[in-house]
Amino acid sequence: MDITSQNNKPQKDTRQLLEENQQLLRMILRNTEKTRKYVLFGRIMSALYLIMIVGSVILAAVALPPLINSVIGPYKELLGTPSTKGDINQGLFDKVQDFLKGHDQ
């Protein structure tokens, strides 16, 4: 009787350990799934932020030049035409000289 009780006891211990391991594995699986979902959500949010930033830059590149031209338009006559070399704006410079010559006389 001693031998059979010894053989039964290891089987019960082994079965109990297997059940505990199975419970722990289920808990690990649940936590792993939560972590996977969290990482996936983070990637999706990063992609959305990137799309919003790039979209804003593209929208600005398309929409701002006409707006800037409409704001600067009234001042183009005052500034004259820009020089091709990038030097001092000759049209504005000539107007200032003419203005000063008119007040000297």
PDB file of N, CA and C in Angstrom:
ATOM      1  N   MET A   1       0.809  -1.180   0.000  1.00  0.00           N
ATOM      2  CA  MET A   1       0.000   0.000   0.000  1.00  0.00           C
ATOM      3  C   MET A   1       0.863   1.258   0.000  1.00  0.00           C
ATOM      4  N   ASP A   2       1.976   1.092   0.520  1.00  0.00           N
ATOM      5  CA  ASP A   2       2.905   2.206   0.562  1.00  0.00           C
ATOM      6  C   ASP A   2       3.345   2.624  -0.847  1.00  0.00           C
ATOM      7  N   ILE A   3       3.554   1.662  -1.683  1.00  0.00           N
ATOM      8  CA  ILE A   3       4.051   1.921  -3.028  1.00  0.00           C
ATOM      9  C   ILE A   3       2.966   2.581  -3.878  1.00  0.00           C
ATOM     10  N   THR A   4       1.740   2.147  -3.797  1.00  0.00           N
ATOM     11  CA  THR A   4       0.661   2.748  -4.586  1.00  0.00           C
ATOM     12  C   THR A   4       0.352   4.161  -4.129  1.00  0.00           C
ATOM     13  N   SER A   5       0.424   4.423  -2.877  1.00  0.00           N
ATOM     14  CA  SER A   5       0.176   5.786  -2.408  1.00  0.00           C
ATOM     15  C   SER A   5       1.299   6.715  -2.842  1.00  0.00           C
ATOM     16  N   GLN A   6       2.494   6.193  -2.931  1.00  0.00           N
ATOM     17  CA  GLN A   6       3.607   7.013  -3.408  1.00  0.00           C
ATOM     18  C   GLN A   6       3.457   7.297  -4.903  1.00  0.00           C
ATOM     19  N   ASN A   7       2.983   6.354  -5.666  1.00  0.00           N
ATOM     20  CA  ASN A   7       2.774   6.550  -7.103  1.00  0.00           C
ATOM     21  C   ASN A   7       1.632   7.517  -7.379  1.00  0.00           C
ATOM     22  N   ASN A   8       0.600   7.509  -6.573  1.00  0.00           N
ATOM     23  CA  ASN A   8      -0.543   8.416  -6.725  1.00  0.00           C
ATOM     24  C   ASN A   8      -0.167   9.847  -6.385  1.00  0.00           C
ATOM     25  N   LYS A   9       0.629  10.005  -5.379  1.00  0.00           N
ATOM     26  CA  LYS A   9       0.993  11.345  -4.927  1.00  0.00           C
ATOM     27  C   LYS A   9       1.760  12.124  -5.996  1.00  0.00           C
ATOM     28  N   PRO A  10       2.755  11.558  -6.668  1.00  0.00           N
ATOM     29  CA  PRO A  10       3.417  12.315  -7.726  1.00  0.00           C
ATOM     30  C   PRO A  10       2.476  12.664  -8.877  1.00  0.00           C
ATOM     31  N   GLN A  11       1.528  11.799  -9.184  1.00  0.00           N
ATOM     32  CA  GLN A  11       0.579  12.110 -10.252  1.00  0.00           C
ATOM     33  C   GLN A  11      -0.299  13.297  -9.869  1.00  0.00           C
ATOM     34  N   LYS A  12      -0.713  13.337  -8.626  1.00  0.00           N
ATOM     35  CA  LYS A  12      -1.533  14.469  -8.167  1.00  0.00           C
ATOM     36  C   LYS A  12      -0.711  15.748  -8.175  1.00  0.00           C
ATOM     37  N   ASP A  13       0.533  15.673  -7.734  1.00  0.00           N
ATOM     38  CA  ASP A  13       1.387  16.862  -7.742  1.00  0.00           C
ATOM     39  C   ASP A  13       1.636  17.336  -9.167  1.00  0.00           C
ATOM     40  N   THR A  14       1.877  16.406 -10.046  1.00  0.00           N
ATOM     41  CA  THR A  14       2.122  16.748 -11.441  1.00  0.00           C
ATOM     42  C   THR A  14       0.871  17.360 -12.067  1.00  0.00           C
ATOM     43  N   ARG A  15      -0.272  16.772 -11.806  1.00  0.00           N
ATOM     44  CA  ARG A  15      -1.525  17.289 -12.354  1.00  0.00           C
ATOM     45  C   ARG A  15      -1.801  18.696 -11.807  1.00  0.00           C
ATOM     46  N   GLN A  16      -1.550  18.881 -10.521  1.00  0.00           N
ATOM     47  CA  GLN A  16      -1.768  20.190  -9.898  1.00  0.00           C
ATOM     48  C   GLN A  16      -0.814  21.212 -10.505  1.00  0.00           C
ATOM     49  N   LEU A  17       0.434  20.849 -10.712  1.00  0.00           N
ATOM     50  CA  LEU A  17       1.400  21.757 -11.334  1.00  0.00           C
ATOM     51  C   LEU A  17       0.995  22.091 -12.773  1.00  0.00           C
ATOM     52  N   LEU A  18       0.531  21.104 -13.493  1.00  0.00           N
ATOM     53  CA  LEU A  18       0.090  21.352 -14.864  1.00  0.00           C
ATOM     54  C   LEU A  18      -1.096  22.312 -14.903  1.00  0.00           C
ATOM     55  N   GLU A  19      -2.037  22.164 -13.996  1.00  0.00           N
ATOM     56  CA  GLU A  19      -3.194  23.071 -13.942  1.00  0.00           C
ATOM     57  C   GLU A  19      -2.762  24.489 -13.586  1.00  0.00           C
ATOM     58  N   GLU A  20      -1.840  24.617 -12.637  1.00  0.00           N
ATOM     59  CA  GLU A  20      -1.329  25.944 -12.273  1.00  0.00           C
ATOM     60  C   GLU A  20      -0.596  26.573 -13.451  1.00  0.00           C
ATOM     61  N   ASN A  21       0.202  25.759 -14.134  1.00  0.00           N
ATOM     62  CA  ASN A  21       0.911  26.278 -15.303  1.00  0.00           C
ATOM     63  C   ASN A  21      -0.064  26.711 -16.393  1.00  0.00           C
ATOM     64  N   GLN A  22      -1.115  25.968 -16.571  1.00  0.00           N
ATOM     65  CA  GLN A  22      -2.113  26.313 -17.571  1.00  0.00           C
ATOM     66  C   GLN A  22      -2.801  27.639 -17.226  1.00  0.00           C
ATOM     67  N   GLN A  23      -3.115  27.839 -15.959  1.00  0.00           N
ATOM     68  CA  GLN A  23      -3.716  29.111 -15.531  1.00  0.00           C
ATOM     69  C   GLN A  23      -2.747  30.265 -15.756  1.00  0.00           C
ATOM     70  N   LEU A  24      -1.494  30.051 -15.405  1.00  0.00           N
ATOM     71  CA  LEU A  24      -0.498  31.107 -15.597  1.00  0.00           C
ATOM     72  C   LEU A  24      -0.309  31.418 -17.086  1.00  0.00           C
ATOM     73  N   LEU A  25      -0.298  30.399 -17.898  1.00  0.00           N
ATOM     74  CA  LEU A  25      -0.170  30.619 -19.335  1.00  0.00           C
ATOM     75  C   LEU A  25      -1.360  31.400 -19.891  1.00  0.00           C
ATOM     76  N   ARG A  26      -2.554  31.133 -19.398  1.00  0.00           N
ATOM     77  CA  ARG A  26      -3.731  31.899 -19.835  1.00  0.00           C
ATOM     78  C   ARG A  26      -3.609  33.364 -19.440  1.00  0.00           C
ATOM     79  N   MET A  27      -3.123  33.604 -18.225  1.00  0.00           N
ATOM     80  CA  MET A  27      -2.927  34.985 -17.774  1.00  0.00           C
ATOM     81  C   MET A  27      -1.873  35.682 -18.632  1.00  0.00           C
ATOM     82  N   ILE A  28      -0.803  34.983 -18.953  1.00  0.00           N
ATOM     83  CA  ILE A  28       0.245  35.560 -19.804  1.00  0.00           C
ATOM     84  C   ILE A  28      -0.315  35.863 -21.191  1.00  0.00           C
ATOM     85  N   LEU A  29      -1.122  34.965 -21.708  1.00  0.00           N
ATOM     86  CA  LEU A  29      -1.735  35.176 -23.023  1.00  0.00           C
ATOM     87  C   LEU A  29      -2.631  36.413 -23.009  1.00  0.00           C
ATOM     88  N   ARG A  30      -3.448  36.564 -21.957  1.00  0.00           N
ATOM     89  CA  ARG A  30      -4.316  37.753 -21.857  1.00  0.00           C
ATOM     90  C   ARG A  30      -3.485  39.034 -21.822  1.00  0.00           C
ATOM     91  N   ASN A  31      -2.429  39.026 -21.014  1.00  0.00           N
ATOM     92  CA  ASN A  31      -1.582  40.215 -20.914  1.00  0.00           C
ATOM     93  C   ASN A  31      -0.856  40.493 -22.229  1.00  0.00           C
ATOM     94  N   THR A  32      -0.443  39.451 -22.909  1.00  0.00           N
ATOM     95  CA  THR A  32       0.219  39.625 -24.197  1.00  0.00           C
ATOM     96  C   THR A  32      -0.735  40.218 -25.221  1.00  0.00           C
ATOM     97  N   GLU A  33      -1.975  39.767 -25.222  1.00  0.00           N
ATOM     98  CA  GLU A  33      -2.973  40.320 -26.144  1.00  0.00           C
ATOM     99  C   GLU A  33      -3.240  41.791 -25.844  1.00  0.00           C
ATOM    100  N   LYS A  34      -3.319  42.140 -24.573  1.00  0.00           N
ATOM    101  CA  LYS A  34      -3.522  43.549 -24.207  1.00  0.00           C
ATOM    102  C   LYS A  34      -2.349  44.397 -24.682  1.00  0.00           C
ATOM    103  N   THR A  35      -1.147  43.889 -24.495  1.00  0.00           N
ATOM    104  CA  THR A  35       0.048  44.623 -24.920  1.00  0.00           C
ATOM    105  C   THR A  35       0.071  44.773 -26.438  1.00  0.00           C
ATOM    106  N   ARG A  36      -0.290  43.716 -27.153  1.00  0.00           N
ATOM    107  CA  ARG A  36      -0.316  43.766 -28.610  1.00  0.00           C
ATOM    108  C   ARG A  36      -1.321  44.814 -29.092  1.00  0.00           C
ATOM    109  N   LYS A  37      -2.491  44.852 -28.470  1.00  0.00           N
ATOM    110  CA  LYS A  37      -3.502  45.846 -28.852  1.00  0.00           C
ATOM    111  C   LYS A  37      -3.022  47.258 -28.550  1.00  0.00           C
ATOM    112  N   TYR A  38      -2.337  47.441 -27.426  1.00  0.00           N
ATOM    113  CA  TYR A  38      -1.826  48.752 -27.050  1.00  0.00           C
ATOM    114  C   TYR A  38      -0.781  49.229 -28.062  1.00  0.00           C
ATOM    115  N   VAL A  39       0.103  48.338 -28.462  1.00  0.00           N
ATOM    116  CA  VAL A  39       1.133  48.695 -29.439  1.00  0.00           C
ATOM    117  C   VAL A  39       0.495  49.003 -30.786  1.00  0.00           C
ATOM    118  N   LEU A  40      -0.487  48.216 -31.193  1.00  0.00           N
ATOM    119  CA  LEU A  40      -1.191  48.463 -32.446  1.00  0.00           C
ATOM    120  C   LEU A  40      -1.897  49.823 -32.425  1.00  0.00           C
ATOM    121  N   PHE A  41      -2.535  50.142 -31.320  1.00  0.00           N
ATOM    122  CA  PHE A  41      -3.189  51.448 -31.178  1.00  0.00           C
ATOM    123  C   PHE A  41      -2.155  52.574 -31.286  1.00  0.00           C
ATOM    124  N   GLY A  42      -0.998  52.391 -30.667  1.00  0.00           N
ATOM    125  CA  GLY A  42       0.060  53.401 -30.752  1.00  0.00           C
ATOM    126  C   GLY A  42       0.555  53.599 -32.168  1.00  0.00           C
ATOM    127  N   ARG A  43       0.695  52.513 -32.918  1.00  0.00           N
ATOM    128  CA  ARG A  43       1.125  52.632 -34.309  1.00  0.00           C
ATOM    129  C   ARG A  43       0.089  53.350 -35.154  1.00  0.00           C
ATOM    130  N   ILE A  44      -1.174  53.039 -34.927  1.00  0.00           N
ATOM    131  CA  ILE A  44      -2.236  53.704 -35.688  1.00  0.00           C
ATOM    132  C   ILE A  44      -2.254  55.195 -35.372  1.00  0.00           C
ATOM    133  N   MET A  45      -2.109  55.546 -34.103  1.00  0.00           N
ATOM    134  CA  MET A  45      -2.098  56.966 -33.722  1.00  0.00           C
ATOM    135  C   MET A  45      -0.892  57.681 -34.321  1.00  0.00           C
ATOM    136  N   SER A  46       0.262  57.034 -34.340  1.00  0.00           N
ATOM    137  CA  SER A  46       1.447  57.641 -34.946  1.00  0.00           C
ATOM    138  C   SER A  46       1.220  57.895 -36.428  1.00  0.00           C
ATOM    139  N   ALA A  47       0.607  56.940 -37.107  1.00  0.00           N
ATOM    140  CA  ALA A  47       0.312  57.117 -38.532  1.00  0.00           C
ATOM    141  C   ALA A  47      -0.666  58.272 -38.745  1.00  0.00           C
ATOM    142  N   LEU A  48      -1.678  58.376 -37.888  1.00  0.00           N
ATOM    143  CA  LEU A  48      -2.641  59.478 -38.016  1.00  0.00           C
ATOM    144  C   LEU A  48      -1.976  60.829 -37.787  1.00  0.00           C
ATOM    145  N   TYR A  49      -1.103  60.906 -36.783  1.00  0.00           N
ATOM    146  CA  TYR A  49      -0.385  62.160 -36.538  1.00  0.00           C
ATOM    147  C   TYR A  49       0.476  62.524 -37.741  1.00  0.00           C
ATOM    148  N   LEU A  50       1.150  61.548 -38.317  1.00  0.00           N
ATOM    149  CA  LEU A  50       1.988  61.806 -39.480  1.00  0.00           C
ATOM    150  C   LEU A  50       1.145  62.289 -40.656  1.00  0.00           C
ATOM    151  N   ILE A  51       0.006  61.650 -40.864  1.00  0.00           N
ATOM    152  CA  ILE A  51      -0.881  62.063 -41.950  1.00  0.00           C
ATOM    153  C   ILE A  51      -1.388  63.484 -41.719  1.00  0.00           C
ATOM    154  N   MET A  52      -1.729  63.824 -40.482  1.00  0.00           N
ATOM    155  CA  MET A  52      -2.209  65.183 -40.197  1.00  0.00           C
ATOM    156  C   MET A  52      -1.118  66.213 -40.456  1.00  0.00           C
ATOM    157  N   ILE A  53       0.112  65.914 -40.071  1.00  0.00           N
ATOM    158  CA  ILE A  53       1.206  66.873 -40.271  1.00  0.00           C
ATOM    159  C   ILE A  53       1.513  67.027 -41.753  1.00  0.00           C
ATOM    160  N   VAL A  54       1.672  65.911 -42.466  1.00  0.00           N
ATOM    161  CA  VAL A  54       1.980  65.979 -43.895  1.00  0.00           C
ATOM    162  C   VAL A  54       0.818  66.613 -44.652  1.00  0.00           C
ATOM    163  N   GLY A  55      -0.401  66.278 -44.285  1.00  0.00           N
ATOM    164  CA  GLY A  55      -1.566  66.878 -44.929  1.00  0.00           C
ATOM    165  C   GLY A  55      -1.624  68.387 -44.722  1.00  0.00           C
ATOM    166  N   SER A  56      -1.279  68.832 -43.533  1.00  0.00           N
ATOM    167  CA  SER A  56      -1.266  70.274 -43.265  1.00  0.00           C
ATOM    168  C   SER A  56      -0.211  70.984 -44.099  1.00  0.00           C
ATOM    169  N   VAL A  57       0.948  70.369 -44.233  1.00  0.00           N
ATOM    170  CA  VAL A  57       2.015  70.981 -45.033  1.00  0.00           C
ATOM    171  C   VAL A  57       1.609  71.046 -46.499  1.00  0.00           C
ATOM    172  N   ILE A  58       1.018  69.982 -47.011  1.00  0.00           N
ATOM    173  CA  ILE A  58       0.576  69.976 -48.417  1.00  0.00           C
ATOM    174  C   ILE A  58      -0.532  71.002 -48.627  1.00  0.00           C
ATOM    175  N   LEU A  59      -1.483  71.055 -47.711  1.00  0.00           N
ATOM    176  CA  LEU A  59      -2.564  72.042 -47.812  1.00  0.00           C
ATOM    177  C   LEU A  59      -2.011  73.462 -47.775  1.00  0.00           C
ATOM    178  N   ALA A  60      -1.046  73.692 -46.905  1.00  0.00           N
ATOM    179  CA  ALA A  60      -0.434  75.018 -46.822  1.00  0.00           C
ATOM    180  C   ALA A  60       0.299  75.354 -48.116  1.00  0.00           C
ATOM    181  N   ALA A  61       0.988  74.393 -48.703  1.00  0.00           N
ATOM    182  CA  ALA A  61       1.723  74.638 -49.952  1.00  0.00           C
ATOM    183  C   ALA A  61       0.773  74.953 -51.096  1.00  0.00           C
ATOM    184  N   VAL A  62      -0.410  74.395 -51.058  1.00  0.00           N
ATOM    185  CA  VAL A  62      -1.380  74.632 -52.130  1.00  0.00           C
ATOM    186  C   VAL A  62      -2.178  75.920 -51.885  1.00  0.00           C
ATOM    187  N   ALA A  63      -2.581  76.156 -50.654  1.00  0.00           N
ATOM    188  CA  ALA A  63      -3.512  77.257 -50.378  1.00  0.00           C
ATOM    189  C   ALA A  63      -2.832  78.583 -50.074  1.00  0.00           C
ATOM    190  N   LEU A  64      -1.644  78.574 -49.522  1.00  0.00           N
ATOM    191  CA  LEU A  64      -1.040  79.834 -49.098  1.00  0.00           C
ATOM    192  C   LEU A  64      -0.505  80.726 -50.221  1.00  0.00           C
ATOM    193  N   PRO A  65       0.091  80.212 -51.287  1.00  0.00           N
ATOM    194  CA  PRO A  65       0.595  81.134 -52.319  1.00  0.00           C
ATOM    195  C   PRO A  65      -0.460  82.081 -52.888  1.00  0.00           C
ATOM    196  N   PRO A  66      -1.668  81.623 -53.230  1.00  0.00           N
ATOM    197  CA  PRO A  66      -2.668  82.596 -53.701  1.00  0.00           C
ATOM    198  C   PRO A  66      -3.043  83.617 -52.621  1.00  0.00           C
ATOM    199  N   LEU A  67      -3.123  83.171 -51.381  1.00  0.00           N
ATOM    200  CA  LEU A  67      -3.453  84.111 -50.305  1.00  0.00           C
ATOM    201  C   LEU A  67      -2.358  85.143 -50.114  1.00  0.00           C
ATOM    202  N   ILE A  68      -1.122  84.702 -50.173  1.00  0.00           N
ATOM    203  CA  ILE A  68       0.001  85.627 -50.008  1.00  0.00           C
ATOM    204  C   ILE A  68       0.040  86.609 -51.171  1.00  0.00           C
ATOM    205  N   ASN A  69      -0.211  86.120 -52.390  1.00  0.00           N
ATOM    206  CA  ASN A  69      -0.227  87.021 -53.546  1.00  0.00           C
ATOM    207  C   ASN A  69      -1.334  88.059 -53.427  1.00  0.00           C
ATOM    208  N   SER A  70      -2.490  87.674 -52.892  1.00  0.00           N
ATOM    209  CA  SER A  70      -3.574  88.651 -52.747  1.00  0.00           C
ATOM    210  C   SER A  70      -3.251  89.688 -51.669  1.00  0.00           C
ATOM    211  N   VAL A  71      -2.468  89.306 -50.678  1.00  0.00           N
ATOM    212  CA  VAL A  71      -2.087  90.261 -49.640  1.00  0.00           C
ATOM    213  C   VAL A  71      -0.978  91.175 -50.131  1.00  0.00           C
ATOM    214  N   ILE A  72      -0.030  90.636 -50.869  1.00  0.00           N
ATOM    215  CA  ILE A  72       1.117  91.422 -51.329  1.00  0.00           C
ATOM    216  C   ILE A  72       0.775  92.232 -52.578  1.00  0.00           C
ATOM    217  N   GLY A  73      -0.265  91.816 -53.300  1.00  0.00           N
ATOM    218  CA  GLY A  73      -0.648  92.467 -54.554  1.00  0.00           C
ATOM    219  C   GLY A  73      -0.702  93.995 -54.495  1.00  0.00           C
ATOM    220  N   PRO A  74      -1.386  94.590 -53.528  1.00  0.00           N
ATOM    221  CA  PRO A  74      -1.454  96.051 -53.489  1.00  0.00           C
ATOM    222  C   PRO A  74      -0.090  96.726 -53.299  1.00  0.00           C
ATOM    223  N   TYR A  75       0.851  96.041 -52.742  1.00  0.00           N
ATOM    224  CA  TYR A  75       2.156  96.641 -52.480  1.00  0.00           C
ATOM    225  C   TYR A  75       3.139  96.442 -53.621  1.00  0.00           C
ATOM    226  N   LYS A  76       2.795  95.645 -54.629  1.00  0.00           N
ATOM    227  CA  LYS A  76       3.702  95.404 -55.753  1.00  0.00           C
ATOM    228  C   LYS A  76       3.973  96.685 -56.534  1.00  0.00           C
ATOM    229  N   GLU A  77       2.962  97.490 -56.675  1.00  0.00           N
ATOM    230  CA  GLU A  77       3.160  98.749 -57.399  1.00  0.00           C
ATOM    231  C   GLU A  77       4.132  99.652 -56.650  1.00  0.00           C
ATOM    232  N   LEU A  78       4.018  99.675 -55.365  1.00  0.00           N
ATOM    233  CA  LEU A  78       4.924 100.482 -54.550  1.00  0.00           C
ATOM    234  C   LEU A  78       6.350  99.955 -54.621  1.00  0.00           C
ATOM    235  N   LEU A  79       6.484  98.659 -54.587  1.00  0.00           N
ATOM    236  CA  LEU A  79       7.814  98.058 -54.595  1.00  0.00           C
ATOM    237  C   LEU A  79       8.420  98.007 -55.981  1.00  0.00           C
ATOM    238  N   GLY A  80       7.634  98.070 -57.032  1.00  0.00           N
ATOM    239  CA  GLY A  80       8.147  97.980 -58.389  1.00  0.00           C
ATOM    240  C   GLY A  80       8.482  96.542 -58.732  1.00  0.00           C
ATOM    241  N   THR A  81       9.158  96.366 -59.864  1.00  0.00           N
ATOM    242  CA  THR A  81       9.523  95.013 -60.265  1.00  0.00           C
ATOM    243  C   THR A  81      10.870  94.655 -59.655  1.00  0.00           C
ATOM    244  N   PRO A  82      11.040  93.461 -59.187  1.00  0.00           N
ATOM    245  CA  PRO A  82      12.315  93.086 -58.583  1.00  0.00           C
ATOM    246  C   PRO A  82      13.394  92.936 -59.647  1.00  0.00           C
ATOM    247  N   SER A  83      14.621  93.228 -59.265  1.00  0.00           N
ATOM    248  CA  SER A  83      15.730  93.105 -60.200  1.00  0.00           C
ATOM    249  C   SER A  83      16.061  91.637 -60.402  1.00  0.00           C
ATOM    250  N   THR A  84      16.655  91.323 -61.530  1.00  0.00           N
ATOM    251  CA  THR A  84      16.961  89.930 -61.828  1.00  0.00           C
ATOM    252  C   THR A  84      18.188  89.458 -61.067  1.00  0.00           C
ATOM    253  N   LYS A  85      19.086  90.365 -60.688  1.00  0.00           N
ATOM    254  CA  LYS A  85      20.299  89.979 -59.977  1.00  0.00           C
ATOM    255  C   LYS A  85      20.071  89.837 -58.481  1.00  0.00           C
ATOM    256  N   GLY A  86      18.955  90.291 -57.978  1.00  0.00           N
ATOM    257  CA  GLY A  86      18.684  90.207 -56.553  1.00  0.00           C
ATOM    258  C   GLY A  86      19.259  91.406 -55.803  1.00  0.00           C
ATOM    259  N   ASP A  87      19.705  92.447 -56.535  1.00  0.00           N
ATOM    260  CA  ASP A  87      20.240  93.647 -55.881  1.00  0.00           C
ATOM    261  C   ASP A  87      19.081  94.490 -55.353  1.00  0.00           C
ATOM    262  N   ILE A  88      19.363  95.732 -55.030  1.00  0.00           N
ATOM    263  CA  ILE A  88      18.337  96.642 -54.513  1.00  0.00           C
ATOM    264  C   ILE A  88      17.237  96.798 -55.553  1.00  0.00           C
ATOM    265  N   ASN A  89      16.019  96.835 -55.100  1.00  0.00           N
ATOM    266  CA  ASN A  89      14.869  96.969 -55.985  1.00  0.00           C
ATOM    267  C   ASN A  89      14.973  98.313 -56.692  1.00  0.00           C
ATOM    268  N   GLN A  90      15.258  98.276 -58.005  1.00  0.00           N
ATOM    269  CA  GLN A  90      15.530  99.491 -58.761  1.00  0.00           C
ATOM    270  C   GLN A  90      14.309 100.399 -58.872  1.00  0.00           C
ATOM    271  N   GLY A  91      13.110  99.809 -59.029  1.00  0.00           N
ATOM    272  CA  GLY A  91      11.909 100.628 -59.167  1.00  0.00           C
ATOM    273  C   GLY A  91      11.644 101.449 -57.913  1.00  0.00           C
ATOM    274  N   LEU A  92      11.793 100.872 -56.769  1.00  0.00           N
ATOM    275  CA  LEU A  92      11.602 101.588 -55.508  1.00  0.00           C
ATOM    276  C   LEU A  92      12.685 102.630 -55.316  1.00  0.00           C
ATOM    277  N   PHE A  93      13.898 102.282 -55.679  1.00  0.00           N
ATOM    278  CA  PHE A  93      15.019 103.205 -55.536  1.00  0.00           C
ATOM    279  C   PHE A  93      14.818 104.438 -56.409  1.00  0.00           C
ATOM    280  N   ASP A  94      14.357 104.230 -57.666  1.00  0.00           N
ATOM    281  CA  ASP A  94      14.100 105.366 -58.564  1.00  0.00           C
ATOM    282  C   ASP A  94      12.979 106.249 -58.026  1.00  0.00           C
ATOM    283  N   LYS A  95      11.940 105.672 -57.496  1.00  0.00           N
ATOM    284  CA  LYS A  95      10.834 106.461 -56.948  1.00  0.00           C
ATOM    285  C   LYS A  95      11.287 107.295 -55.750  1.00  0.00           C
ATOM    286  N   VAL A  96      12.123 106.741 -54.917  1.00  0.00           N
ATOM    287  CA  VAL A  96      12.627 107.491 -53.755  1.00  0.00           C
ATOM    288  C   VAL A  96      13.496 108.648 -54.233  1.00  0.00           C
ATOM    289  N   GLN A  97      14.340 108.416 -55.263  1.00  0.00           N
ATOM    290  CA  GLN A  97      15.186 109.501 -55.798  1.00  0.00           C
ATOM    291  C   GLN A  97      14.331 110.602 -56.404  1.00  0.00           C
ATOM    292  N   ASP A  98      13.314 110.222 -57.169  1.00  0.00           N
ATOM    293  CA  ASP A  98      12.424 111.229 -57.763  1.00  0.00           C
ATOM    294  C   ASP A  98      11.705 112.018 -56.672  1.00  0.00           C
ATOM    295  N   PHE A  99      11.285 111.349 -55.620  1.00  0.00           N
ATOM    296  CA  PHE A  99      10.607 112.017 -54.525  1.00  0.00           C
ATOM    297  C   PHE A  99      11.551 113.027 -53.852  1.00  0.00           C
ATOM    298  N   LEU A 100      12.776 112.627 -53.629  1.00  0.00           N
ATOM    299  CA  LEU A 100      13.732 113.518 -52.987  1.00  0.00           C
ATOM    300  C   LEU A 100      14.086 114.690 -53.892  1.00  0.00           C
ATOM    301  N   LYS A 101      14.214 114.481 -55.189  1.00  0.00           N
ATOM    302  CA  LYS A 101      14.526 115.578 -56.135  1.00  0.00           C
ATOM    303  C   LYS A 101      13.368 116.576 -56.173  1.00  0.00           C
ATOM    304  N   GLY A 102      12.153 116.082 -56.078  1.00  0.00           N
ATOM    305  CA  GLY A 102      10.979 116.953 -56.091  1.00  0.00           C
ATOM    306  C   GLY A 102      10.920 117.854 -54.861  1.00  0.00           C
ATOM    307  N   HIS A 103      11.399 117.403 -53.713  1.00  0.00           N
ATOM    308  CA  HIS A 103      11.372 118.210 -52.499  1.00  0.00           C
ATOM    309  C   HIS A 103      12.562 119.130 -52.377  1.00  0.00           C
ATOM    310  N   ASP A 104      13.626 118.858 -53.127  1.00  0.00           N
ATOM    311  CA  ASP A 104      14.797 119.733 -53.068  1.00  0.00           C
ATOM    312  C   ASP A 104      14.532 121.046 -53.799  1.00  0.00           C
ATOM    313  N   GLN A 105      13.698 121.050 -54.798  1.00  0.00           N
ATOM    314  CA  GLN A 105      13.476 122.254 -55.586  1.00  0.00           C
ATOM    315  C   GLN A 105      12.517 123.167 -54.960  1.00  0.00           C
TER     316      GLN A 105
END
